[in-house]
Amino acid sequence: MFLRKRWTRKTAARIATLGLAVGMTTMIRPLDAQAQQSLSLEGRGGIAVPTGDLADLLDVGPSFGAGLSYQLSPRVSLRLDGDVDILSGVDADGSGPEAPDANIYHYNLGLELKLLDSEASPWHLAANVGAGASTLDFDDFAVLGTPVDFNETYFTANGGLKVAYNVARNVDVFVGAQAFLMFTDEADTAVFSLLRSDLDPAGFDNAWTIPITAGLRIGI
């Protein structure tokens, strides 16, 4: 199921908080034109693809994100990003009951490097790497009659590529793909093997999602 069955209050609150944080940054006004071009805001949306063990629990679903970047040099920028993947549990296939829905929140700090950036061309290619944390927030579910509230935060590494096209001064549209590697705890994730018999009873120590998104980037 592509869209989540229900939109939880917790989801709305976290996205509203993220929007407020990004909105507050627009209140900062640099003192000169050069400083204005060093900051940019980004909004994006698309789909998130769970891979590895997460693919046995969650389906492809929508993904949304926002970012703030500060230009350190003509080719290198410091980035602060927040993303949320909204994923539905996979349908039962005989190996166990339907898995619970989940939201996965990513918070990352990293660097972006322009690989192709020519004043003669409106096209740009950039790569980024970063690290931070991800929160896996599953809907409450029951295992052998015992309720489980799985809401855990883990260290995350991420990287991606982006192709952008300059449509106006300080305004780019882009498409890109990002990979988030979450270093999960086997002791935590072992509980999912009681829902899905095809999962390792010992749990899994890493999980991936790959958001593929399009968006808009504006220099401020």
N, C-alpha and C. Protein backbone atom coordinates (compact mmCIF):
# COMPACT_ATOMS: atom_id res chain seq x y z
N MET A 1 0.87 -1.19 0.00
CA MET A 1 0.00 0.00 0.00
C MET A 1 0.89 1.22 0.00
N PHE A 2 0.77 2.06 -1.03
CA PHE A 2 1.74 3.14 -1.22
C PHE A 2 1.64 4.19 -0.14
N LEU A 3 0.44 4.63 0.19
CA LEU A 3 0.26 5.66 1.23
C LEU A 3 -0.06 5.00 2.55
N ARG A 4 0.31 5.62 3.65
CA ARG A 4 0.02 5.07 4.97
C ARG A 4 -1.48 4.99 5.19
N LYS A 5 -1.88 4.00 5.99
CA LYS A 5 -3.31 3.83 6.26
C LYS A 5 -3.84 4.95 7.12
N ARG A 6 -2.99 5.47 7.97
CA ARG A 6 -3.46 6.56 8.81
C ARG A 6 -2.31 7.50 9.11
N TRP A 7 -2.68 8.74 9.33
CA TRP A 7 -1.69 9.80 9.59
C TRP A 7 -1.73 10.08 11.09
N THR A 8 -0.70 9.66 11.82
CA THR A 8 -0.72 9.79 13.28
C THR A 8 -0.46 11.22 13.71
N ARG A 9 -0.95 11.55 14.91
CA ARG A 9 -0.71 12.88 15.45
C ARG A 9 0.76 13.13 15.67
N LYS A 10 1.50 12.06 16.04
CA LYS A 10 2.93 12.21 16.25
C LYS A 10 3.63 12.61 14.95
N THR A 11 3.19 12.04 13.82
CA THR A 11 3.77 12.39 12.52
C THR A 11 3.56 13.86 12.24
N ALA A 12 2.31 14.33 12.39
CA ALA A 12 1.99 15.72 12.09
C ALA A 12 2.79 16.67 12.97
N ALA A 13 2.95 16.32 14.24
CA ALA A 13 3.68 17.19 15.16
C ALA A 13 5.14 17.29 14.77
N ARG A 14 5.75 16.16 14.40
CA ARG A 14 7.18 16.19 14.06
C ARG A 14 7.43 16.95 12.76
N ILE A 15 6.55 16.76 11.78
CA ILE A 15 6.73 17.48 10.51
C ILE A 15 6.50 18.97 10.73
N ALA A 16 5.52 19.33 11.58
CA ALA A 16 5.28 20.75 11.88
C ALA A 16 6.49 21.36 12.57
N THR A 17 7.14 20.60 13.47
CA THR A 17 8.33 21.10 14.14
C THR A 17 9.46 21.32 13.15
N LEU A 18 9.63 20.35 12.22
CA LEU A 18 10.65 20.50 11.19
C LEU A 18 10.38 21.73 10.33
N GLY A 19 9.11 21.92 9.95
CA GLY A 19 8.77 23.09 9.14
C GLY A 19 9.02 24.39 9.86
N LEU A 20 8.72 24.41 11.17
CA LEU A 20 8.96 25.62 11.97
C LEU A 20 10.44 25.94 12.04
N ALA A 21 11.26 24.88 12.23
CA ALA A 21 12.71 25.10 12.32
C ALA A 21 13.27 25.67 11.02
N VAL A 22 12.81 25.11 9.90
CA VAL A 22 13.27 25.63 8.60
C VAL A 22 12.76 27.04 8.37
N GLY A 23 11.48 27.30 8.76
CA GLY A 23 10.92 28.62 8.57
C GLY A 23 11.66 29.69 9.36
N MET A 24 12.13 29.34 10.56
CA MET A 24 12.83 30.31 11.38
C MET A 24 14.14 30.75 10.76
N THR A 25 14.75 29.83 9.95
CA THR A 25 16.01 30.21 9.33
C THR A 25 15.83 31.32 8.30
N THR A 26 14.63 31.44 7.74
CA THR A 26 14.39 32.49 6.74
C THR A 26 14.36 33.87 7.37
N MET A 27 14.28 33.93 8.71
CA MET A 27 14.27 35.22 9.39
C MET A 27 15.68 35.82 9.49
N ILE A 28 16.71 34.99 9.18
CA ILE A 28 18.08 35.47 9.24
C ILE A 28 18.38 36.24 7.96
N ARG A 29 18.83 37.47 8.04
CA ARG A 29 19.11 38.29 6.88
C ARG A 29 20.60 38.65 6.85
N PRO A 30 21.37 38.07 5.89
CA PRO A 30 22.77 38.42 5.78
C PRO A 30 22.96 39.90 5.49
N LEU A 31 24.14 40.41 5.79
CA LEU A 31 24.40 41.84 5.69
C LEU A 31 24.81 42.28 4.30
N ASP A 32 25.28 41.37 3.46
CA ASP A 32 25.72 41.78 2.13
C ASP A 32 25.30 40.73 1.10
N ALA A 33 25.45 41.08 -0.17
CA ALA A 33 25.01 40.21 -1.25
C ALA A 33 25.79 38.92 -1.29
N GLN A 34 27.07 38.97 -0.98
CA GLN A 34 27.89 37.77 -1.00
C GLN A 34 27.41 36.78 0.05
N ALA A 35 27.06 37.27 1.24
CA ALA A 35 26.55 36.40 2.28
C ALA A 35 25.20 35.81 1.90
N GLN A 36 24.37 36.60 1.18
CA GLN A 36 23.06 36.11 0.77
C GLN A 36 23.18 34.87 -0.10
N GLN A 37 24.19 34.80 -0.93
CA GLN A 37 24.36 33.68 -1.83
C GLN A 37 24.97 32.47 -1.14
N SER A 38 25.45 32.61 0.08
CA SER A 38 26.12 31.50 0.76
C SER A 38 25.13 30.59 1.47
N LEU A 39 23.89 31.04 1.69
CA LEU A 39 22.86 30.24 2.34
C LEU A 39 21.80 29.81 1.34
N SER A 40 21.30 28.59 1.49
CA SER A 40 20.20 28.16 0.64
C SER A 40 19.29 27.22 1.41
N LEU A 41 18.01 27.26 1.04
CA LEU A 41 16.98 26.39 1.61
C LEU A 41 16.52 25.40 0.54
N GLU A 42 16.17 24.20 0.98
CA GLU A 42 15.78 23.15 0.05
C GLU A 42 14.56 22.39 0.59
N GLY A 43 13.62 22.12 -0.31
CA GLY A 43 12.49 21.27 0.01
C GLY A 43 12.37 20.19 -1.03
N ARG A 44 11.98 18.97 -0.62
CA ARG A 44 11.96 17.86 -1.57
C ARG A 44 10.89 16.84 -1.17
N GLY A 45 10.48 16.05 -2.14
CA GLY A 45 9.51 15.00 -1.90
C GLY A 45 9.62 13.92 -2.95
N GLY A 46 9.23 12.71 -2.59
CA GLY A 46 9.31 11.59 -3.53
C GLY A 46 8.93 10.30 -2.85
N ILE A 47 9.69 9.24 -3.12
CA ILE A 47 9.42 7.94 -2.54
C ILE A 47 10.66 7.44 -1.80
N ALA A 48 10.42 6.61 -0.79
CA ALA A 48 11.51 5.95 -0.06
C ALA A 48 11.41 4.45 -0.29
N VAL A 49 12.55 3.84 -0.62
CA VAL A 49 12.60 2.40 -0.89
C VAL A 49 13.34 1.71 0.25
N PRO A 50 12.66 0.92 1.08
CA PRO A 50 13.37 0.15 2.11
C PRO A 50 14.09 -1.03 1.46
N THR A 51 15.29 -1.35 1.94
CA THR A 51 16.05 -2.46 1.39
C THR A 51 16.55 -3.35 2.53
N GLY A 52 17.09 -4.51 2.16
CA GLY A 52 17.59 -5.44 3.16
C GLY A 52 16.44 -5.98 4.00
N ASP A 53 16.69 -6.15 5.30
CA ASP A 53 15.67 -6.70 6.20
C ASP A 53 14.44 -5.81 6.30
N LEU A 54 14.62 -4.49 6.12
CA LEU A 54 13.46 -3.60 6.18
C LEU A 54 12.47 -3.89 5.06
N ALA A 55 12.97 -4.40 3.92
CA ALA A 55 12.07 -4.70 2.80
C ALA A 55 11.14 -5.85 3.14
N ASP A 56 11.49 -6.68 4.14
CA ASP A 56 10.61 -7.76 4.57
C ASP A 56 9.53 -7.26 5.53
N LEU A 57 9.70 -6.03 6.01
CA LEU A 57 8.75 -5.46 6.96
C LEU A 57 7.92 -4.33 6.38
N LEU A 58 8.53 -3.53 5.47
CA LEU A 58 7.91 -2.29 5.04
C LEU A 58 7.88 -2.18 3.52
N ASP A 59 6.81 -1.55 3.01
CA ASP A 59 6.68 -1.30 1.58
C ASP A 59 7.25 0.07 1.21
N VAL A 60 7.43 0.28 -0.08
CA VAL A 60 7.80 1.60 -0.60
C VAL A 60 6.73 2.61 -0.20
N GLY A 61 7.14 3.81 0.19
CA GLY A 61 6.18 4.84 0.59
C GLY A 61 6.72 6.23 0.35
N PRO A 62 5.93 7.24 0.65
CA PRO A 62 6.35 8.62 0.39
C PRO A 62 7.47 9.07 1.33
N SER A 63 8.24 10.03 0.85
CA SER A 63 9.34 10.60 1.63
C SER A 63 9.35 12.11 1.41
N PHE A 64 9.59 12.86 2.49
CA PHE A 64 9.65 14.32 2.42
C PHE A 64 10.86 14.80 3.22
N GLY A 65 11.45 15.90 2.77
CA GLY A 65 12.61 16.41 3.48
C GLY A 65 12.83 17.89 3.25
N ALA A 66 13.67 18.47 4.11
CA ALA A 66 14.06 19.87 4.00
C ALA A 66 15.52 19.99 4.42
N GLY A 67 16.19 20.99 3.89
CA GLY A 67 17.60 21.16 4.23
C GLY A 67 18.02 22.62 4.20
N LEU A 68 19.07 22.89 4.93
CA LEU A 68 19.71 24.21 4.96
C LEU A 68 21.18 24.00 4.67
N SER A 69 21.74 24.75 3.72
CA SER A 69 23.15 24.60 3.40
C SER A 69 23.87 25.95 3.47
N TYR A 70 25.14 25.88 3.86
CA TYR A 70 26.00 27.05 3.95
C TYR A 70 27.24 26.79 3.11
N GLN A 71 27.52 27.70 2.17
CA GLN A 71 28.62 27.51 1.24
C GLN A 71 29.95 27.86 1.89
N LEU A 72 30.83 26.86 2.01
CA LEU A 72 32.15 27.06 2.59
C LEU A 72 33.16 27.53 1.56
N SER A 73 32.97 27.09 0.32
CA SER A 73 33.84 27.46 -0.81
C SER A 73 33.00 27.33 -2.07
N PRO A 74 33.51 27.74 -3.23
CA PRO A 74 32.69 27.64 -4.45
C PRO A 74 32.16 26.23 -4.73
N ARG A 75 32.84 25.19 -4.24
CA ARG A 75 32.41 23.82 -4.54
C ARG A 75 31.97 23.01 -3.33
N VAL A 76 32.18 23.52 -2.13
CA VAL A 76 31.88 22.74 -0.93
C VAL A 76 30.89 23.50 -0.05
N SER A 77 29.85 22.78 0.42
CA SER A 77 28.84 23.38 1.31
C SER A 77 28.63 22.48 2.52
N LEU A 78 28.35 23.11 3.64
CA LEU A 78 27.95 22.40 4.86
C LEU A 78 26.43 22.29 4.86
N ARG A 79 25.88 21.08 5.16
CA ARG A 79 24.45 20.85 5.05
C ARG A 79 23.87 20.35 6.37
N LEU A 80 22.65 20.81 6.67
CA LEU A 80 21.85 20.28 7.77
C LEU A 80 20.52 19.83 7.17
N ASP A 81 20.17 18.55 7.34
CA ASP A 81 19.00 18.00 6.68
C ASP A 81 18.11 17.23 7.63
N GLY A 82 16.80 17.25 7.34
CA GLY A 82 15.83 16.44 8.05
C GLY A 82 14.88 15.80 7.05
N ASP A 83 14.59 14.51 7.23
CA ASP A 83 13.73 13.77 6.31
C ASP A 83 12.82 12.84 7.09
N VAL A 84 11.68 12.51 6.48
CA VAL A 84 10.79 11.51 7.06
C VAL A 84 10.31 10.58 5.94
N ASP A 85 10.43 9.27 6.18
CA ASP A 85 9.90 8.25 5.29
C ASP A 85 8.64 7.67 5.94
N ILE A 86 7.54 7.64 5.20
CA ILE A 86 6.25 7.19 5.72
C ILE A 86 5.90 5.87 5.03
N LEU A 87 6.07 4.76 5.76
CA LEU A 87 6.05 3.44 5.14
C LEU A 87 4.98 2.55 5.77
N SER A 88 4.29 1.78 4.93
CA SER A 88 3.28 0.85 5.40
C SER A 88 3.88 -0.54 5.58
N GLY A 89 3.34 -1.28 6.55
CA GLY A 89 3.79 -2.65 6.77
C GLY A 89 3.40 -3.55 5.61
N VAL A 90 4.24 -4.54 5.32
CA VAL A 90 3.95 -5.46 4.22
C VAL A 90 2.79 -6.36 4.59
N ASP A 91 2.03 -6.78 3.58
CA ASP A 91 0.90 -7.68 3.79
C ASP A 91 1.39 -9.07 4.17
N ALA A 92 0.58 -9.77 4.91
CA ALA A 92 0.92 -11.13 5.30
C ALA A 92 1.02 -12.02 4.07
N ASP A 93 2.03 -12.91 4.05
CA ASP A 93 2.21 -13.81 2.91
C ASP A 93 2.35 -15.26 3.38
N GLY A 94 1.85 -15.53 4.55
CA GLY A 94 1.95 -16.88 5.08
C GLY A 94 3.07 -17.04 6.09
N SER A 95 4.00 -16.07 6.13
CA SER A 95 5.12 -16.18 7.05
C SER A 95 4.85 -15.48 8.38
N GLY A 96 3.68 -14.86 8.50
CA GLY A 96 3.36 -14.18 9.74
C GLY A 96 2.29 -13.13 9.50
N PRO A 97 1.88 -12.42 10.55
CA PRO A 97 0.86 -11.38 10.39
C PRO A 97 1.43 -10.17 9.66
N GLU A 98 0.53 -9.27 9.28
CA GLU A 98 0.96 -8.05 8.61
C GLU A 98 1.84 -7.22 9.55
N ALA A 99 2.95 -6.70 9.00
CA ALA A 99 3.87 -5.90 9.80
C ALA A 99 3.25 -4.53 10.08
N PRO A 100 3.64 -3.89 11.19
CA PRO A 100 3.09 -2.57 11.51
C PRO A 100 3.65 -1.48 10.59
N ASP A 101 2.89 -0.41 10.41
CA ASP A 101 3.37 0.75 9.68
C ASP A 101 4.48 1.43 10.47
N ALA A 102 5.27 2.26 9.77
CA ALA A 102 6.37 2.94 10.45
C ALA A 102 6.67 4.28 9.79
N ASN A 103 7.11 5.22 10.61
CA ASN A 103 7.73 6.45 10.13
C ASN A 103 9.21 6.38 10.51
N ILE A 104 10.06 6.77 9.58
CA ILE A 104 11.50 6.80 9.86
C ILE A 104 11.97 8.24 9.68
N TYR A 105 12.50 8.81 10.77
CA TYR A 105 12.95 10.20 10.78
C TYR A 105 14.48 10.23 10.72
N HIS A 106 15.02 11.02 9.78
CA HIS A 106 16.47 11.14 9.62
C HIS A 106 16.90 12.58 9.94
N TYR A 107 17.98 12.71 10.72
CA TYR A 107 18.54 14.02 11.05
C TYR A 107 20.05 13.93 10.78
N ASN A 108 20.53 14.73 9.82
CA ASN A 108 21.91 14.56 9.38
C ASN A 108 22.64 15.88 9.17
N LEU A 109 23.94 15.85 9.43
CA LEU A 109 24.86 16.94 9.14
C LEU A 109 25.91 16.40 8.19
N GLY A 110 26.23 17.15 7.13
CA GLY A 110 27.19 16.62 6.17
C GLY A 110 27.76 17.68 5.26
N LEU A 111 28.49 17.21 4.25
CA LEU A 111 29.13 18.07 3.26
C LEU A 111 28.60 17.73 1.88
N GLU A 112 28.43 18.77 1.06
CA GLU A 112 28.05 18.59 -0.34
C GLU A 112 29.16 19.10 -1.23
N LEU A 113 29.54 18.31 -2.23
CA LEU A 113 30.61 18.66 -3.16
C LEU A 113 30.05 18.76 -4.57
N LYS A 114 30.26 19.90 -5.21
CA LYS A 114 29.83 20.07 -6.60
C LYS A 114 30.84 19.38 -7.51
N LEU A 115 30.38 18.36 -8.23
CA LEU A 115 31.25 17.62 -9.14
C LEU A 115 31.28 18.26 -10.52
N LEU A 116 30.17 18.86 -10.90
CA LEU A 116 30.06 19.52 -12.20
C LEU A 116 29.33 20.83 -12.00
N ASP A 117 30.03 21.93 -12.17
CA ASP A 117 29.44 23.25 -11.93
C ASP A 117 30.13 24.26 -12.85
N SER A 118 29.45 24.60 -13.93
CA SER A 118 30.02 25.51 -14.92
C SER A 118 29.12 26.71 -15.10
N GLU A 119 29.69 27.91 -15.09
CA GLU A 119 28.90 29.12 -15.32
C GLU A 119 28.29 29.14 -16.71
N ALA A 120 28.86 28.36 -17.63
CA ALA A 120 28.36 28.33 -19.00
C ALA A 120 27.17 27.38 -19.15
N SER A 121 26.90 26.58 -18.14
CA SER A 121 25.80 25.61 -18.24
C SER A 121 24.88 25.74 -17.03
N PRO A 122 23.58 25.60 -17.24
CA PRO A 122 22.64 25.66 -16.12
C PRO A 122 22.58 24.34 -15.33
N TRP A 123 23.25 23.30 -15.82
CA TRP A 123 23.20 22.00 -15.17
C TRP A 123 24.29 21.88 -14.11
N HIS A 124 23.95 21.20 -13.01
CA HIS A 124 24.91 20.98 -11.93
C HIS A 124 24.78 19.54 -11.43
N LEU A 125 25.91 18.97 -11.04
CA LEU A 125 25.93 17.64 -10.45
C LEU A 125 26.66 17.73 -9.11
N ALA A 126 26.07 17.17 -8.07
CA ALA A 126 26.67 17.26 -6.74
C ALA A 126 26.54 15.93 -6.01
N ALA A 127 27.50 15.66 -5.13
CA ALA A 127 27.47 14.49 -4.25
C ALA A 127 27.54 14.96 -2.81
N ASN A 128 26.97 14.18 -1.92
CA ASN A 128 27.02 14.56 -0.51
C ASN A 128 27.25 13.33 0.37
N VAL A 129 27.89 13.56 1.52
CA VAL A 129 28.07 12.53 2.53
C VAL A 129 27.76 13.17 3.88
N GLY A 130 27.30 12.35 4.82
CA GLY A 130 26.96 12.91 6.12
C GLY A 130 26.77 11.83 7.16
N ALA A 131 26.46 12.25 8.36
CA ALA A 131 26.21 11.34 9.47
C ALA A 131 25.23 12.02 10.42
N GLY A 132 24.58 11.21 11.22
CA GLY A 132 23.61 11.76 12.17
C GLY A 132 22.87 10.65 12.87
N ALA A 133 21.55 10.75 12.92
CA ALA A 133 20.72 9.77 13.62
C ALA A 133 19.43 9.54 12.86
N SER A 134 18.85 8.38 13.07
CA SER A 134 17.54 8.04 12.51
C SER A 134 16.68 7.41 13.60
N THR A 135 15.42 7.80 13.63
CA THR A 135 14.46 7.23 14.57
C THR A 135 13.49 6.33 13.82
N LEU A 136 13.44 5.07 14.20
CA LEU A 136 12.47 4.12 13.66
C LEU A 136 11.28 4.08 14.60
N ASP A 137 10.15 4.59 14.14
CA ASP A 137 8.95 4.70 14.96
C ASP A 137 7.86 3.83 14.34
N PHE A 138 7.72 2.61 14.84
CA PHE A 138 6.69 1.69 14.35
C PHE A 138 5.40 1.89 15.13
N ASP A 139 4.29 1.68 14.45
CA ASP A 139 3.02 1.66 15.16
C ASP A 139 3.03 0.54 16.21
N ASP A 140 2.30 0.74 17.29
CA ASP A 140 2.24 -0.29 18.32
C ASP A 140 1.73 -1.61 17.73
N PHE A 141 2.34 -2.72 18.16
CA PHE A 141 1.89 -4.02 17.71
C PHE A 141 2.02 -5.00 18.88
N ALA A 142 1.51 -6.20 18.70
CA ALA A 142 1.53 -7.20 19.77
C ALA A 142 2.31 -8.43 19.33
N VAL A 143 3.08 -8.99 20.24
CA VAL A 143 3.83 -10.23 20.02
C VAL A 143 3.44 -11.21 21.12
N LEU A 144 2.80 -12.31 20.72
CA LEU A 144 2.35 -13.33 21.68
C LEU A 144 1.48 -12.70 22.78
N GLY A 145 0.65 -11.75 22.36
CA GLY A 145 -0.26 -11.11 23.29
C GLY A 145 0.35 -9.98 24.10
N THR A 146 1.64 -9.71 23.90
CA THR A 146 2.32 -8.64 24.65
C THR A 146 2.46 -7.41 23.76
N PRO A 147 1.98 -6.23 24.19
CA PRO A 147 2.11 -5.02 23.36
C PRO A 147 3.57 -4.58 23.24
N VAL A 148 3.94 -4.12 22.05
CA VAL A 148 5.30 -3.65 21.79
C VAL A 148 5.23 -2.23 21.24
N ASP A 149 5.99 -1.34 21.83
CA ASP A 149 6.10 0.05 21.36
C ASP A 149 7.54 0.24 20.89
N PHE A 150 7.75 0.08 19.58
CA PHE A 150 9.11 0.16 19.03
C PHE A 150 9.38 1.58 18.54
N ASN A 151 10.18 2.32 19.28
CA ASN A 151 10.58 3.68 18.91
C ASN A 151 12.04 3.84 19.34
N GLU A 152 12.96 3.60 18.40
CA GLU A 152 14.38 3.57 18.71
C GLU A 152 15.15 4.50 17.77
N THR A 153 16.22 5.10 18.29
CA THR A 153 17.06 6.00 17.51
C THR A 153 18.46 5.42 17.40
N TYR A 154 19.02 5.44 16.18
CA TYR A 154 20.32 4.83 15.92
C TYR A 154 21.21 5.79 15.13
N PHE A 155 22.53 5.56 15.24
CA PHE A 155 23.49 6.30 14.43
C PHE A 155 23.28 5.97 12.96
N THR A 156 23.45 6.98 12.11
CA THR A 156 23.20 6.84 10.67
C THR A 156 24.31 7.47 9.86
N ALA A 157 24.70 6.81 8.78
CA ALA A 157 25.58 7.39 7.76
C ALA A 157 24.78 7.51 6.48
N ASN A 158 25.05 8.54 5.71
CA ASN A 158 24.29 8.72 4.48
C ASN A 158 25.14 9.31 3.36
N GLY A 159 24.69 9.11 2.14
CA GLY A 159 25.36 9.66 0.97
C GLY A 159 24.42 9.67 -0.21
N GLY A 160 24.69 10.53 -1.18
CA GLY A 160 23.79 10.59 -2.32
C GLY A 160 24.33 11.43 -3.46
N LEU A 161 23.55 11.46 -4.53
CA LEU A 161 23.86 12.24 -5.73
C LEU A 161 22.64 13.06 -6.12
N LYS A 162 22.91 14.20 -6.75
CA LYS A 162 21.83 15.11 -7.14
C LYS A 162 22.19 15.79 -8.47
N VAL A 163 21.19 15.85 -9.35
CA VAL A 163 21.32 16.59 -10.60
C VAL A 163 20.38 17.77 -10.53
N ALA A 164 20.92 18.99 -10.73
CA ALA A 164 20.11 20.20 -10.59
C ALA A 164 20.17 21.03 -11.87
N TYR A 165 19.10 21.80 -12.08
CA TYR A 165 19.03 22.71 -13.23
C TYR A 165 18.65 24.09 -12.73
N ASN A 166 19.44 25.08 -13.08
CA ASN A 166 19.21 26.46 -12.63
C ASN A 166 18.13 27.11 -13.50
N VAL A 167 16.98 27.41 -12.89
CA VAL A 167 15.86 27.98 -13.64
C VAL A 167 15.78 29.49 -13.51
N ALA A 168 16.42 30.05 -12.49
CA ALA A 168 16.44 31.49 -12.28
C ALA A 168 17.60 31.79 -11.33
N ARG A 169 17.88 33.07 -11.14
CA ARG A 169 18.97 33.44 -10.25
C ARG A 169 18.71 32.89 -8.84
N ASN A 170 19.65 32.08 -8.36
CA ASN A 170 19.58 31.47 -7.03
C ASN A 170 18.41 30.50 -6.85
N VAL A 171 17.87 29.98 -7.95
CA VAL A 171 16.78 29.00 -7.86
C VAL A 171 17.11 27.80 -8.74
N ASP A 172 17.14 26.61 -8.13
CA ASP A 172 17.40 25.36 -8.84
C ASP A 172 16.26 24.38 -8.61
N VAL A 173 15.96 23.58 -9.63
CA VAL A 173 15.13 22.39 -9.45
C VAL A 173 16.06 21.19 -9.58
N PHE A 174 15.72 20.09 -8.91
CA PHE A 174 16.66 18.97 -8.91
C PHE A 174 15.94 17.65 -8.72
N VAL A 175 16.64 16.59 -9.07
CA VAL A 175 16.25 15.22 -8.73
C VAL A 175 17.48 14.56 -8.11
N GLY A 176 17.24 13.65 -7.19
CA GLY A 176 18.37 13.01 -6.53
C GLY A 176 17.97 11.75 -5.80
N ALA A 177 18.97 10.99 -5.41
CA ALA A 177 18.78 9.78 -4.62
C ALA A 177 19.73 9.82 -3.43
N GLN A 178 19.23 9.35 -2.30
CA GLN A 178 19.99 9.37 -1.06
C GLN A 178 19.89 7.99 -0.42
N ALA A 179 20.98 7.53 0.18
CA ALA A 179 20.96 6.25 0.89
C ALA A 179 21.26 6.50 2.36
N PHE A 180 20.40 5.98 3.23
CA PHE A 180 20.59 6.09 4.68
C PHE A 180 20.90 4.70 5.23
N LEU A 181 22.06 4.56 5.85
CA LEU A 181 22.46 3.32 6.50
C LEU A 181 22.31 3.50 8.01
N MET A 182 21.36 2.77 8.61
CA MET A 182 21.10 2.88 10.04
C MET A 182 21.72 1.68 10.75
N PHE A 183 22.53 1.96 11.76
CA PHE A 183 23.22 0.90 12.50
C PHE A 183 22.33 0.47 13.68
N THR A 184 21.44 -0.46 13.39
CA THR A 184 20.44 -0.89 14.36
C THR A 184 21.06 -1.87 15.37
N ASP A 185 20.28 -2.17 16.40
CA ASP A 185 20.71 -3.08 17.46
C ASP A 185 19.99 -4.42 17.28
N GLU A 186 20.76 -5.50 17.19
CA GLU A 186 20.14 -6.82 17.00
C GLU A 186 19.19 -7.17 18.13
N ALA A 187 19.54 -6.79 19.35
CA ALA A 187 18.68 -7.11 20.48
C ALA A 187 17.32 -6.43 20.36
N ASP A 188 17.30 -5.24 19.76
CA ASP A 188 16.03 -4.53 19.56
C ASP A 188 15.21 -5.16 18.44
N THR A 189 15.86 -5.43 17.31
CA THR A 189 15.14 -5.84 16.10
C THR A 189 14.78 -7.32 16.08
N ALA A 190 15.29 -8.10 17.04
CA ALA A 190 14.94 -9.52 17.09
C ALA A 190 13.44 -9.72 17.26
N VAL A 191 12.74 -8.74 17.83
CA VAL A 191 11.31 -8.88 18.06
C VAL A 191 10.53 -9.04 16.75
N PHE A 192 11.07 -8.51 15.64
CA PHE A 192 10.34 -8.59 14.37
C PHE A 192 10.32 -10.01 13.80
N SER A 193 11.27 -10.86 14.22
CA SER A 193 11.28 -12.23 13.72
C SER A 193 10.08 -13.02 14.24
N LEU A 194 9.44 -12.51 15.31
CA LEU A 194 8.23 -13.15 15.81
C LEU A 194 7.02 -12.79 14.98
N LEU A 195 7.16 -11.74 14.14
CA LEU A 195 6.11 -11.36 13.19
C LEU A 195 6.35 -11.98 11.82
N ARG A 196 7.64 -12.08 11.44
CA ARG A 196 7.99 -12.56 10.10
C ARG A 196 8.99 -13.69 10.24
N SER A 197 8.59 -14.91 9.90
CA SER A 197 9.45 -16.07 10.08
C SER A 197 10.66 -16.07 9.15
N ASP A 198 10.62 -15.22 8.09
CA ASP A 198 11.75 -15.18 7.16
C ASP A 198 12.87 -14.26 7.66
N LEU A 199 12.68 -13.62 8.83
CA LEU A 199 13.72 -12.78 9.41
C LEU A 199 14.56 -13.59 10.39
N ASP A 200 15.83 -13.21 10.52
CA ASP A 200 16.75 -13.89 11.42
C ASP A 200 16.29 -13.70 12.87
N PRO A 201 16.11 -14.78 13.62
CA PRO A 201 15.69 -14.65 15.03
C PRO A 201 16.67 -13.82 15.87
N ALA A 202 17.92 -13.73 15.42
CA ALA A 202 18.91 -12.94 16.16
C ALA A 202 18.75 -11.45 15.93
N GLY A 203 17.87 -11.05 14.99
CA GLY A 203 17.71 -9.64 14.67
C GLY A 203 18.67 -9.18 13.59
N PHE A 204 18.62 -7.89 13.25
CA PHE A 204 19.52 -7.36 12.23
C PHE A 204 20.22 -6.12 12.77
N ASP A 205 21.49 -5.94 12.36
CA ASP A 205 22.30 -4.86 12.91
C ASP A 205 22.46 -3.68 11.97
N ASN A 206 21.77 -3.69 10.83
CA ASN A 206 21.76 -2.52 9.96
C ASN A 206 20.49 -2.52 9.13
N ALA A 207 20.08 -1.35 8.70
CA ALA A 207 18.86 -1.18 7.91
C ALA A 207 19.07 -0.02 6.95
N TRP A 208 18.45 -0.13 5.77
CA TRP A 208 18.62 0.88 4.73
C TRP A 208 17.26 1.42 4.27
N THR A 209 17.23 2.71 3.95
CA THR A 209 16.18 3.26 3.11
C THR A 209 16.85 4.14 2.06
N ILE A 210 16.25 4.19 0.88
CA ILE A 210 16.80 4.98 -0.23
C ILE A 210 15.69 5.89 -0.76
N PRO A 211 15.62 7.13 -0.29
CA PRO A 211 14.65 8.08 -0.86
C PRO A 211 15.10 8.57 -2.24
N ILE A 212 14.16 8.61 -3.17
CA ILE A 212 14.39 9.17 -4.50
C ILE A 212 13.43 10.35 -4.62
N THR A 213 13.96 11.55 -4.74
CA THR A 213 13.14 12.74 -4.60
C THR A 213 13.41 13.79 -5.68
N ALA A 214 12.48 14.71 -5.81
CA ALA A 214 12.65 15.92 -6.62
C ALA A 214 12.31 17.11 -5.73
N GLY A 215 12.90 18.27 -6.05
CA GLY A 215 12.64 19.40 -5.18
C GLY A 215 13.12 20.72 -5.73
N LEU A 216 13.10 21.70 -4.85
CA LEU A 216 13.44 23.08 -5.19
C LEU A 216 14.46 23.59 -4.18
N ARG A 217 15.46 24.30 -4.69
CA ARG A 217 16.49 24.88 -3.84
C ARG A 217 16.57 26.37 -4.14
N ILE A 218 16.50 27.19 -3.07
CA ILE A 218 16.47 28.65 -3.21
C ILE A 218 17.59 29.27 -2.40
N GLY A 219 18.41 30.11 -3.03
CA GLY A 219 19.43 30.86 -2.31
C GLY A 219 18.81 32.04 -1.58
N ILE A 220 19.28 32.29 -0.35
CA ILE A 220 18.71 33.39 0.44
C ILE A 220 19.81 34.33 0.91
